[in-house]
Amino acid sequence: AAHIGTTAGEALNFCANNYLGFSDHPEVIAASKAALDIWG
């Protein structure tokens, strides 16, 4: 995410390829969770 925890403490993340912020987007996560039940 943009705000992450690390072993050195909390940090603002400015080095990920998370351009659109979708890595932790609730709709993306929900779709992936639903797929576990439907598709395995």
ModelCIF file with pLDDT and N, C-alpha, C, O atoms, coordinates in Angstrom:
data_MODEL
#
_entry.id   MODEL 
#
_entity.id                         1 
_entity.type                       polymer 
_entity.pdbx_number_of_molecules   1 
#
_entity_poly.entity_id                      1 
_entity_poly.type                           'polypeptide(L)' 
_entity_poly.nstd_linkage                   no 
_entity_poly.nstd_monomer                   no 
_entity_poly.pdbx_seq_one_letter_code       AAHIGTTAGEALNFCANNYLGFSDHPEVIAASKAALDIWG 
_entity_poly.pdbx_seq_one_letter_code_can   AAHIGTTAGEALNFCANNYLGFSDHPEVIAASKAALDIWG 
_entity_poly.pdbx_strand_id                 A 
#
loop_
_entity_poly_seq.entity_id 
_entity_poly_seq.num 
_entity_poly_seq.mon_id 
_entity_poly_seq.hetero 
1 1  ALA n 
1 2  ALA n 
1 3  HIS n 
1 4  ILE n 
1 5  GLY n 
1 6  THR n 
1 7  THR n 
1 8  ALA n 
1 9  GLY n 
1 10 GLU n 
1 11 ALA n 
1 12 LEU n 
1 13 ASN n 
1 14 PHE n 
1 15 CYS n 
1 16 ALA n 
1 17 ASN n 
1 18 ASN n 
1 19 TYR n 
1 20 LEU n 
1 21 GLY n 
1 22 PHE n 
1 23 SER n 
1 24 ASP n 
1 25 HIS n 
1 26 PRO n 
1 27 GLU n 
1 28 VAL n 
1 29 ILE n 
1 30 ALA n 
1 31 ALA n 
1 32 SER n 
1 33 LYS n 
1 34 ALA n 
1 35 ALA n 
1 36 LEU n 
1 37 ASP n 
1 38 ILE n 
1 39 TRP n 
1 40 GLY n 
#
_struct_asym.id          A 
_struct_asym.entity_id   1 
#
loop_
_ma_qa_metric.id 
_ma_qa_metric.mode 
_ma_qa_metric.name 
_ma_qa_metric.software_group_id 
_ma_qa_metric.type 
1 global pLDDT . pLDDT 
2 local  pLDDT . pLDDT 
#
_ma_qa_metric_global.metric_id      1 
_ma_qa_metric_global.metric_value   95.90 
_ma_qa_metric_global.model_id       1 
_ma_qa_metric_global.ordinal_id     1 
#
loop_
_ma_qa_metric_local.label_asym_id 
_ma_qa_metric_local.label_comp_id 
_ma_qa_metric_local.label_seq_id 
_ma_qa_metric_local.metric_id 
_ma_qa_metric_local.metric_value 
_ma_qa_metric_local.model_id 
_ma_qa_metric_local.ordinal_id 
A ALA 1  2 95.00 1 1  
A ALA 2  2 96.00 1 2  
A HIS 3  2 96.00 1 3  
A ILE 4  2 95.00 1 4  
A GLY 5  2 94.00 1 5  
A THR 6  2 89.00 1 6  
A THR 7  2 87.00 1 7  
A ALA 8  2 83.00 1 8  
A GLY 9  2 89.00 1 9  
A GLU 10 2 94.00 1 10 
A ALA 11 2 95.00 1 11 
A LEU 12 2 97.00 1 12 
A ASN 13 2 97.00 1 13 
A PHE 14 2 97.00 1 14 
A CYS 15 2 94.00 1 15 
A ALA 16 2 96.00 1 16 
A ASN 17 2 97.00 1 17 
A ASN 18 2 98.00 1 18 
A TYR 19 2 98.00 1 19 
A LEU 20 2 98.00 1 20 
A GLY 21 2 98.00 1 21 
A PHE 22 2 98.00 1 22 
A SER 23 2 97.00 1 23 
A ASP 24 2 96.00 1 24 
A HIS 25 2 97.00 1 25 
A PRO 26 2 97.00 1 26 
A GLU 27 2 98.00 1 27 
A VAL 28 2 98.00 1 28 
A ILE 29 2 98.00 1 29 
A ALA 30 2 98.00 1 30 
A ALA 31 2 98.00 1 31 
A SER 32 2 98.00 1 32 
A LYS 33 2 98.00 1 33 
A ALA 34 2 98.00 1 34 
A ALA 35 2 98.00 1 35 
A LEU 36 2 97.00 1 36 
A ASP 37 2 97.00 1 37 
A ILE 38 2 97.00 1 38 
A TRP 39 2 98.00 1 39 
A GLY 40 2 97.00 1 40 
#
loop_
_atom_site.group_PDB 
_atom_site.id 
_atom_site.type_symbol 
_atom_site.label_atom_id 
_atom_site.label_alt_id 
_atom_site.label_comp_id 
_atom_site.label_asym_id 
_atom_site.label_entity_id 
_atom_site.label_seq_id 
_atom_site.pdbx_PDB_ins_code 
_atom_site.Cartn_x 
_atom_site.Cartn_y 
_atom_site.Cartn_z 
_atom_site.occupancy 
_atom_site.B_iso_or_equiv 
_atom_site.pdbx_formal_charge 
_atom_site.auth_seq_id 
_atom_site.auth_comp_id 
_atom_site.auth_asym_id 
_atom_site.auth_atom_id 
_atom_site.pdbx_PDB_model_num 
ATOM 1   N N  . ALA A 1 1  ? 0.852   -1.188  0.000  1.00 95.00 ? 1  ALA A N  1 
ATOM 2   C CA . ALA A 1 1  ? 0.000   0.000   0.000  1.00 95.00 ? 1  ALA A CA 1 
ATOM 3   C C  . ALA A 1 1  ? 0.885   1.235   0.000  1.00 95.00 ? 1  ALA A C  1 
ATOM 4   O O  . ALA A 1 1  ? 2.111   1.124   0.018  1.00 95.00 ? 1  ALA A O  1 
ATOM 5   N N  . ALA A 1 2  ? 0.269   2.408   -0.021 1.00 96.00 ? 2  ALA A N  1 
ATOM 6   C CA . ALA A 1 2  ? 1.032   3.646   0.079  1.00 96.00 ? 2  ALA A CA 1 
ATOM 7   C C  . ALA A 1 2  ? 1.611   3.809   1.468  1.00 96.00 ? 2  ALA A C  1 
ATOM 8   O O  . ALA A 1 2  ? 2.712   4.336   1.626  1.00 96.00 ? 2  ALA A O  1 
ATOM 9   N N  . HIS A 1 3  ? 0.879   3.362   2.476  1.00 96.00 ? 3  HIS A N  1 
ATOM 10  C CA . HIS A 1 3  ? 1.349   3.354   3.858  1.00 96.00 ? 3  HIS A CA 1 
ATOM 11  C C  . HIS A 1 3  ? 1.550   1.902   4.264  1.00 96.00 ? 3  HIS A C  1 
ATOM 12  O O  . HIS A 1 3  ? 0.609   1.109   4.220  1.00 96.00 ? 3  HIS A O  1 
ATOM 13  N N  . ILE A 1 4  ? 2.766   1.547   4.658  1.00 95.00 ? 4  ILE A N  1 
ATOM 14  C CA . ILE A 1 4  ? 3.071   0.156   4.983  1.00 95.00 ? 4  ILE A CA 1 
ATOM 15  C C  . ILE A 1 4  ? 3.771   0.072   6.331  1.00 95.00 ? 4  ILE A C  1 
ATOM 16  O O  . ILE A 1 4  ? 4.280   1.059   6.863  1.00 95.00 ? 4  ILE A O  1 
ATOM 17  N N  . GLY A 1 5  ? 3.776   -1.139  6.859  1.00 94.00 ? 5  GLY A N  1 
ATOM 18  C CA . GLY A 1 5  ? 4.603   -1.430  8.019  1.00 94.00 ? 5  GLY A CA 1 
ATOM 19  C C  . GLY A 1 5  ? 5.834   -2.192  7.578  1.00 94.00 ? 5  GLY A C  1 
ATOM 20  O O  . GLY A 1 5  ? 5.754   -3.037  6.686  1.00 94.00 ? 5  GLY A O  1 
ATOM 21  N N  . THR A 1 6  ? 6.972   -1.906  8.189  1.00 89.00 ? 6  THR A N  1 
ATOM 22  C CA . THR A 1 6  ? 8.205   -2.636  7.928  1.00 89.00 ? 6  THR A CA 1 
ATOM 23  C C  . THR A 1 6  ? 8.794   -3.053  9.267  1.00 89.00 ? 6  THR A C  1 
ATOM 24  O O  . THR A 1 6  ? 8.332   -2.618  10.322 1.00 89.00 ? 6  THR A O  1 
ATOM 25  N N  . THR A 1 7  ? 9.804   -3.890  9.217  1.00 87.00 ? 7  THR A N  1 
ATOM 26  C CA . THR A 1 7  ? 10.473  -4.292  10.457 1.00 87.00 ? 7  THR A CA 1 
ATOM 27  C C  . THR A 1 7  ? 11.187  -3.115  11.112 1.00 87.00 ? 7  THR A C  1 
ATOM 28  O O  . THR A 1 7  ? 11.582  -3.188  12.276 1.00 87.00 ? 7  THR A O  1 
ATOM 29  N N  . ALA A 1 8  ? 11.351  -2.031  10.355 1.00 83.00 ? 8  ALA A N  1 
ATOM 30  C CA . ALA A 1 8  ? 11.957  -0.818  10.912 1.00 83.00 ? 8  ALA A CA 1 
ATOM 31  C C  . ALA A 1 8  ? 10.904  0.179   11.378 1.00 83.00 ? 8  ALA A C  1 
ATOM 32  O O  . ALA A 1 8  ? 11.244  1.258   11.864 1.00 83.00 ? 8  ALA A O  1 
ATOM 33  N N  . GLY A 1 9  ? 9.624   -0.173  11.235 1.00 89.00 ? 9  GLY A N  1 
ATOM 34  C CA . GLY A 1 9  ? 8.542   0.717   11.649 1.00 89.00 ? 9  GLY A CA 1 
ATOM 35  C C  . GLY A 1 9  ? 7.628   1.071   10.494 1.00 89.00 ? 9  GLY A C  1 
ATOM 36  O O  . GLY A 1 9  ? 7.798   0.556   9.388  1.00 89.00 ? 9  GLY A O  1 
ATOM 37  N N  . GLU A 1 10 ? 6.660   1.943   10.734 1.00 94.00 ? 10 GLU A N  1 
ATOM 38  C CA . GLU A 1 10 ? 5.722   2.365   9.695  1.00 94.00 ? 10 GLU A CA 1 
ATOM 39  C C  . GLU A 1 10 ? 6.428   3.287   8.699  1.00 94.00 ? 10 GLU A C  1 
ATOM 40  O O  . GLU A 1 10 ? 7.343   4.032   9.050  1.00 94.00 ? 10 GLU A O  1 
ATOM 41  N N  . ALA A 1 11 ? 5.971   3.210   7.438  1.00 95.00 ? 11 ALA A N  1 
ATOM 42  C CA . ALA A 1 11 ? 6.642   4.004   6.408  1.00 95.00 ? 11 ALA A CA 1 
ATOM 43  C C  . ALA A 1 11 ? 5.686   4.350   5.282  1.00 95.00 ? 11 ALA A C  1 
ATOM 44  O O  . ALA A 1 11 ? 4.726   3.633   4.999  1.00 95.00 ? 11 ALA A O  1 
ATOM 45  N N  . LEU A 1 12 ? 5.984   5.473   4.651  1.00 97.00 ? 12 LEU A N  1 
ATOM 46  C CA . LEU A 1 12 ? 5.342   5.825   3.385  1.00 97.00 ? 12 LEU A CA 1 
ATOM 47  C C  . LEU A 1 12 ? 6.103   5.109   2.275  1.00 97.00 ? 12 LEU A C  1 
ATOM 48  O O  . LEU A 1 12 ? 7.331   5.184   2.224  1.00 97.00 ? 12 LEU A O  1 
ATOM 49  N N  . ASN A 1 13 ? 5.403   4.423   1.397  1.00 97.00 ? 13 ASN A N  1 
ATOM 50  C CA . ASN A 1 13 ? 6.048   3.603   0.375  1.00 97.00 ? 13 ASN A CA 1 
ATOM 51  C C  . ASN A 1 13 ? 6.131   4.367   -0.945 1.00 97.00 ? 13 ASN A C  1 
ATOM 52  O O  . ASN A 1 13 ? 5.112   4.661   -1.569 1.00 97.00 ? 13 ASN A O  1 
ATOM 53  N N  . PHE A 1 14 ? 7.355   4.684   -1.359 1.00 97.00 ? 14 PHE A N  1 
ATOM 54  C CA . PHE A 1 14 ? 7.570   5.385   -2.620 1.00 97.00 ? 14 PHE A CA 1 
ATOM 55  C C  . PHE A 1 14 ? 8.471   4.591   -3.565 1.00 97.00 ? 14 PHE A C  1 
ATOM 56  O O  . PHE A 1 14 ? 9.203   5.174   -4.365 1.00 97.00 ? 14 PHE A O  1 
ATOM 57  N N  . CYS A 1 15 ? 8.417   3.260   -3.471 1.00 94.00 ? 15 CYS A N  1 
ATOM 58  C CA . CYS A 1 15 ? 9.257   2.479   -4.384 1.00 94.00 ? 15 CYS A CA 1 
ATOM 59  C C  . CYS A 1 15 ? 8.556   1.234   -4.929 1.00 94.00 ? 15 CYS A C  1 
ATOM 60  O O  . CYS A 1 15 ? 9.221   0.306   -5.390 1.00 94.00 ? 15 CYS A O  1 
ATOM 61  N N  . ALA A 1 16 ? 7.229   1.201   -4.882 1.00 96.00 ? 16 ALA A N  1 
ATOM 62  C CA . ALA A 1 16 ? 6.488   0.072   -5.438 1.00 96.00 ? 16 ALA A CA 1 
ATOM 63  C C  . ALA A 1 16 ? 5.928   0.432   -6.813 1.00 96.00 ? 16 ALA A C  1 
ATOM 64  O O  . ALA A 1 16 ? 5.817   1.605   -7.169 1.00 96.00 ? 16 ALA A O  1 
ATOM 65  N N  . ASN A 1 17 ? 5.578   -0.604  -7.575 1.00 97.00 ? 17 ASN A N  1 
ATOM 66  C CA . ASN A 1 17 ? 4.953   -0.409  -8.885 1.00 97.00 ? 17 ASN A CA 1 
ATOM 67  C C  . ASN A 1 17 ? 3.430   -0.318  -8.764 1.00 97.00 ? 17 ASN A C  1 
ATOM 68  O O  . ASN A 1 17 ? 2.705   -0.624  -9.710 1.00 97.00 ? 17 ASN A O  1 
ATOM 69  N N  . ASN A 1 18 ? 2.963   0.100   -7.609 1.00 98.00 ? 18 ASN A N  1 
ATOM 70  C CA . ASN A 1 18 ? 1.528   0.169   -7.313 1.00 98.00 ? 18 ASN A CA 1 
ATOM 71  C C  . ASN A 1 18 ? 0.959   1.478   -7.847 1.00 98.00 ? 18 ASN A C  1 
ATOM 72  O O  . ASN A 1 18 ? 0.421   2.282   -7.086 1.00 98.00 ? 18 ASN A O  1 
ATOM 73  N N  . TYR A 1 19 ? 1.078   1.688   -9.155 1.00 98.00 ? 19 TYR A N  1 
ATOM 74  C CA . TYR A 1 19 ? 0.799   2.982   -9.760 1.00 98.00 ? 19 TYR A CA 1 
ATOM 75  C C  . TYR A 1 19 ? -0.610  3.492   -9.497 1.00 98.00 ? 19 TYR A C  1 
ATOM 76  O O  . TYR A 1 19 ? -0.796  4.673   -9.201 1.00 98.00 ? 19 TYR A O  1 
ATOM 77  N N  . LEU A 1 20 ? -1.597  2.619   -9.600 1.00 98.00 ? 20 LEU A N  1 
ATOM 78  C CA . LEU A 1 20 ? -2.984  3.043   -9.455 1.00 98.00 ? 20 LEU A CA 1 
ATOM 79  C C  . LEU A 1 20 ? -3.551  2.770   -8.069 1.00 98.00 ? 20 LEU A C  1 
ATOM 80  O O  . LEU A 1 20 ? -4.717  3.059   -7.801 1.00 98.00 ? 20 LEU A O  1 
ATOM 81  N N  . GLY A 1 21 ? -2.719  2.210   -7.186 1.00 98.00 ? 21 GLY A N  1 
ATOM 82  C CA . GLY A 1 21 ? -3.185  1.910   -5.843 1.00 98.00 ? 21 GLY A CA 1 
ATOM 83  C C  . GLY A 1 21 ? -4.100  0.709   -5.756 1.00 98.00 ? 21 GLY A C  1 
ATOM 84  O O  . GLY A 1 21 ? -4.878  0.586   -4.809 1.00 98.00 ? 21 GLY A O  1 
ATOM 85  N N  . PHE A 1 22 ? -4.016  -0.188  -6.744 1.00 98.00 ? 22 PHE A N  1 
ATOM 86  C CA . PHE A 1 22 ? -4.929  -1.329  -6.792 1.00 98.00 ? 22 PHE A CA 1 
ATOM 87  C C  . PHE A 1 22 ? -4.453  -2.532  -5.970 1.00 98.00 ? 22 PHE A C  1 
ATOM 88  O O  . PHE A 1 22 ? -5.214  -3.478  -5.773 1.00 98.00 ? 22 PHE A O  1 
ATOM 89  N N  . SER A 1 23 ? -3.206  -2.508  -5.489 1.00 97.00 ? 23 SER A N  1 
ATOM 90  C CA . SER A 1 23 ? -2.696  -3.679  -4.773 1.00 97.00 ? 23 SER A CA 1 
ATOM 91  C C  . SER A 1 23 ? -3.526  -4.000  -3.535 1.00 97.00 ? 23 SER A C  1 
ATOM 92  O O  . SER A 1 23 ? -3.667  -5.162  -3.153 1.00 97.00 ? 23 SER A O  1 
ATOM 93  N N  . ASP A 1 24 ? -4.076  -2.954  -2.910 1.00 96.00 ? 24 ASP A N  1 
ATOM 94  C CA . ASP A 1 24 ? -4.925  -3.181  -1.744 1.00 96.00 ? 24 ASP A CA 1 
ATOM 95  C C  . ASP A 1 24 ? -6.312  -2.563  -1.936 1.00 96.00 ? 24 ASP A C  1 
ATOM 96  O O  . ASP A 1 24 ? -6.994  -2.231  -0.966 1.00 96.00 ? 24 ASP A O  1 
ATOM 97  N N  . HIS A 1 25 ? -6.716  -2.415  -3.200 1.00 97.00 ? 25 HIS A N  1 
ATOM 98  C CA . HIS A 1 25 ? -8.034  -1.840  -3.480 1.00 97.00 ? 25 HIS A CA 1 
ATOM 99  C C  . HIS A 1 25 ? -9.117  -2.809  -3.009 1.00 97.00 ? 25 HIS A C  1 
ATOM 100 O O  . HIS A 1 25 ? -9.052  -3.992  -3.344 1.00 97.00 ? 25 HIS A O  1 
ATOM 101 N N  . PRO A 1 26 ? -10.106 -2.351  -2.249 1.00 97.00 ? 26 PRO A N  1 
ATOM 102 C CA . PRO A 1 26 ? -11.100 -3.273  -1.693 1.00 97.00 ? 26 PRO A CA 1 
ATOM 103 C C  . PRO A 1 26 ? -11.867 -4.074  -2.734 1.00 97.00 ? 26 PRO A C  1 
ATOM 104 O O  . PRO A 1 26 ? -12.208 -5.230  -2.485 1.00 97.00 ? 26 PRO A O  1 
ATOM 105 N N  . GLU A 1 27 ? -12.146 -3.491  -3.892 1.00 98.00 ? 27 GLU A N  1 
ATOM 106 C CA . GLU A 1 27 ? -12.886 -4.229  -4.917 1.00 98.00 ? 27 GLU A CA 1 
ATOM 107 C C  . GLU A 1 27 ? -12.017 -5.318  -5.554 1.00 98.00 ? 27 GLU A C  1 
ATOM 108 O O  . GLU A 1 27 ? -12.514 -6.393  -5.888 1.00 98.00 ? 27 GLU A O  1 
ATOM 109 N N  . VAL A 1 28 ? -10.741 -5.044  -5.719 1.00 98.00 ? 28 VAL A N  1 
ATOM 110 C CA . VAL A 1 28 ? -9.821  -6.050  -6.259 1.00 98.00 ? 28 VAL A CA 1 
ATOM 111 C C  . VAL A 1 28 ? -9.676  -7.202  -5.267 1.00 98.00 ? 28 VAL A C  1 
ATOM 112 O O  . VAL A 1 28 ? -9.713  -8.371  -5.648 1.00 98.00 ? 28 VAL A O  1 
ATOM 113 N N  . ILE A 1 29 ? -9.512  -6.860  -4.004 1.00 98.00 ? 29 ILE A N  1 
ATOM 114 C CA . ILE A 1 29 ? -9.386  -7.894  -2.978 1.00 98.00 ? 29 ILE A CA 1 
ATOM 115 C C  . ILE A 1 29 ? -10.653 -8.732  -2.890 1.00 98.00 ? 29 ILE A C  1 
ATOM 116 O O  . ILE A 1 29 ? -10.581 -9.956  -2.781 1.00 98.00 ? 29 ILE A O  1 
ATOM 117 N N  . ALA A 1 30 ? -11.811 -8.082  -2.936 1.00 98.00 ? 30 ALA A N  1 
ATOM 118 C CA . ALA A 1 30 ? -13.080 -8.807  -2.844 1.00 98.00 ? 30 ALA A CA 1 
ATOM 119 C C  . ALA A 1 30 ? -13.256 -9.764  -4.020 1.00 98.00 ? 30 ALA A C  1 
ATOM 120 O O  . ALA A 1 30 ? -13.723 -10.889 -3.842 1.00 98.00 ? 30 ALA A O  1 
ATOM 121 N N  . ALA A 1 31 ? -12.883 -9.322  -5.217 1.00 98.00 ? 31 ALA A N  1 
ATOM 122 C CA . ALA A 1 31 ? -13.003 -10.185 -6.391 1.00 98.00 ? 31 ALA A CA 1 
ATOM 123 C C  . ALA A 1 31 ? -12.094 -11.394 -6.269 1.00 98.00 ? 31 ALA A C  1 
ATOM 124 O O  . ALA A 1 31 ? -12.481 -12.507 -6.626 1.00 98.00 ? 31 ALA A O  1 
ATOM 125 N N  . SER A 1 32 ? -10.882 -11.177 -5.763 1.00 98.00 ? 32 SER A N  1 
ATOM 126 C CA . SER A 1 32 ? -9.949  -12.285 -5.600 1.00 98.00 ? 32 SER A CA 1 
ATOM 127 C C  . SER A 1 32 ? -10.432 -13.258 -4.530 1.00 98.00 ? 32 SER A C  1 
ATOM 128 O O  . SER A 1 32 ? -10.321 -14.472 -4.701 1.00 98.00 ? 32 SER A O  1 
ATOM 129 N N  . LYS A 1 33 ? -10.966 -12.736 -3.428 1.00 98.00 ? 33 LYS A N  1 
ATOM 130 C CA . LYS A 1 33 ? -11.505 -13.600 -2.375 1.00 98.00 ? 33 LYS A CA 1 
ATOM 131 C C  . LYS A 1 33 ? -12.652 -14.453 -2.902 1.00 98.00 ? 33 LYS A C  1 
ATOM 132 O O  . LYS A 1 33 ? -12.713 -15.654 -2.637 1.00 98.00 ? 33 LYS A O  1 
ATOM 133 N N  . ALA A 1 34 ? -13.556 -13.831 -3.646 1.00 98.00 ? 34 ALA A N  1 
ATOM 134 C CA . ALA A 1 34 ? -14.702 -14.570 -4.187 1.00 98.00 ? 34 ALA A CA 1 
ATOM 135 C C  . ALA A 1 34 ? -14.246 -15.678 -5.129 1.00 98.00 ? 34 ALA A C  1 
ATOM 136 O O  . ALA A 1 34 ? -14.850 -16.749 -5.183 1.00 98.00 ? 34 ALA A O  1 
ATOM 137 N N  . ALA A 1 35 ? -13.176 -15.411 -5.866 1.00 98.00 ? 35 ALA A N  1 
ATOM 138 C CA . ALA A 1 35 ? -12.675 -16.404 -6.816 1.00 98.00 ? 35 ALA A CA 1 
ATOM 139 C C  . ALA A 1 35 ? -12.156 -17.647 -6.109 1.00 98.00 ? 35 ALA A C  1 
ATOM 140 O O  . ALA A 1 35 ? -12.220 -18.739 -6.675 1.00 98.00 ? 35 ALA A O  1 
ATOM 141 N N  . LEU A 1 36 ? -11.652 -17.517 -4.904 1.00 97.00 ? 36 LEU A N  1 
ATOM 142 C CA . LEU A 1 36 ? -11.192 -18.688 -4.148 1.00 97.00 ? 36 LEU A CA 1 
ATOM 143 C C  . LEU A 1 36 ? -12.338 -19.661 -3.919 1.00 97.00 ? 36 LEU A C  1 
ATOM 144 O O  . LEU A 1 36 ? -12.157 -20.874 -4.029 1.00 97.00 ? 36 LEU A O  1 
ATOM 145 N N  . ASP A 1 37 ? -13.520 -19.135 -3.599 1.00 97.00 ? 37 ASP A N  1 
ATOM 146 C CA . ASP A 1 37 ? -14.683 -19.998 -3.378 1.00 97.00 ? 37 ASP A CA 1 
ATOM 147 C C  . ASP A 1 37 ? -15.228 -20.565 -4.685 1.00 97.00 ? 37 ASP A C  1 
ATOM 148 O O  . ASP A 1 37 ? -15.685 -21.707 -4.734 1.00 97.00 ? 37 ASP A O  1 
ATOM 149 N N  . ILE A 1 38 ? -15.176 -19.763 -5.732 1.00 97.00 ? 38 ILE A N  1 
ATOM 150 C CA . ILE A 1 38 ? -15.777 -20.184 -7.008 1.00 97.00 ? 38 ILE A CA 1 
ATOM 151 C C  . ILE A 1 38 ? -14.826 -21.053 -7.825 1.00 97.00 ? 38 ILE A C  1 
ATOM 152 O O  . ILE A 1 38 ? -15.237 -22.067 -8.388 1.00 97.00 ? 38 ILE A O  1 
ATOM 153 N N  . TRP A 1 39 ? -13.539 -20.652 -7.891 1.00 98.00 ? 39 TRP A N  1 
ATOM 154 C CA . TRP A 1 39 ? -12.594 -21.282 -8.815 1.00 98.00 ? 39 TRP A CA 1 
ATOM 155 C C  . TRP A 1 39 ? -11.489 -22.086 -8.140 1.00 98.00 ? 39 TRP A C  1 
ATOM 156 O O  . TRP A 1 39 ? -10.759 -22.813 -8.814 1.00 98.00 ? 39 TRP A O  1 
ATOM 157 N N  . GLY A 1 40 ? -11.353 -21.968 -6.815 1.00 97.00 ? 40 GLY A N  1 
ATOM 158 C CA . GLY A 1 40 ? -10.308 -22.711 -6.119 1.00 97.00 ? 40 GLY A CA 1 
ATOM 159 C C  . GLY A 1 40 ? -9.036  -21.921 -5.969 1.00 97.00 ? 40 GLY A C  1 
ATOM 160 O O  . GLY A 1 40 ? -8.064  -22.419 -5.401 1.00 97.00 ? 40 GLY A O  1 
#
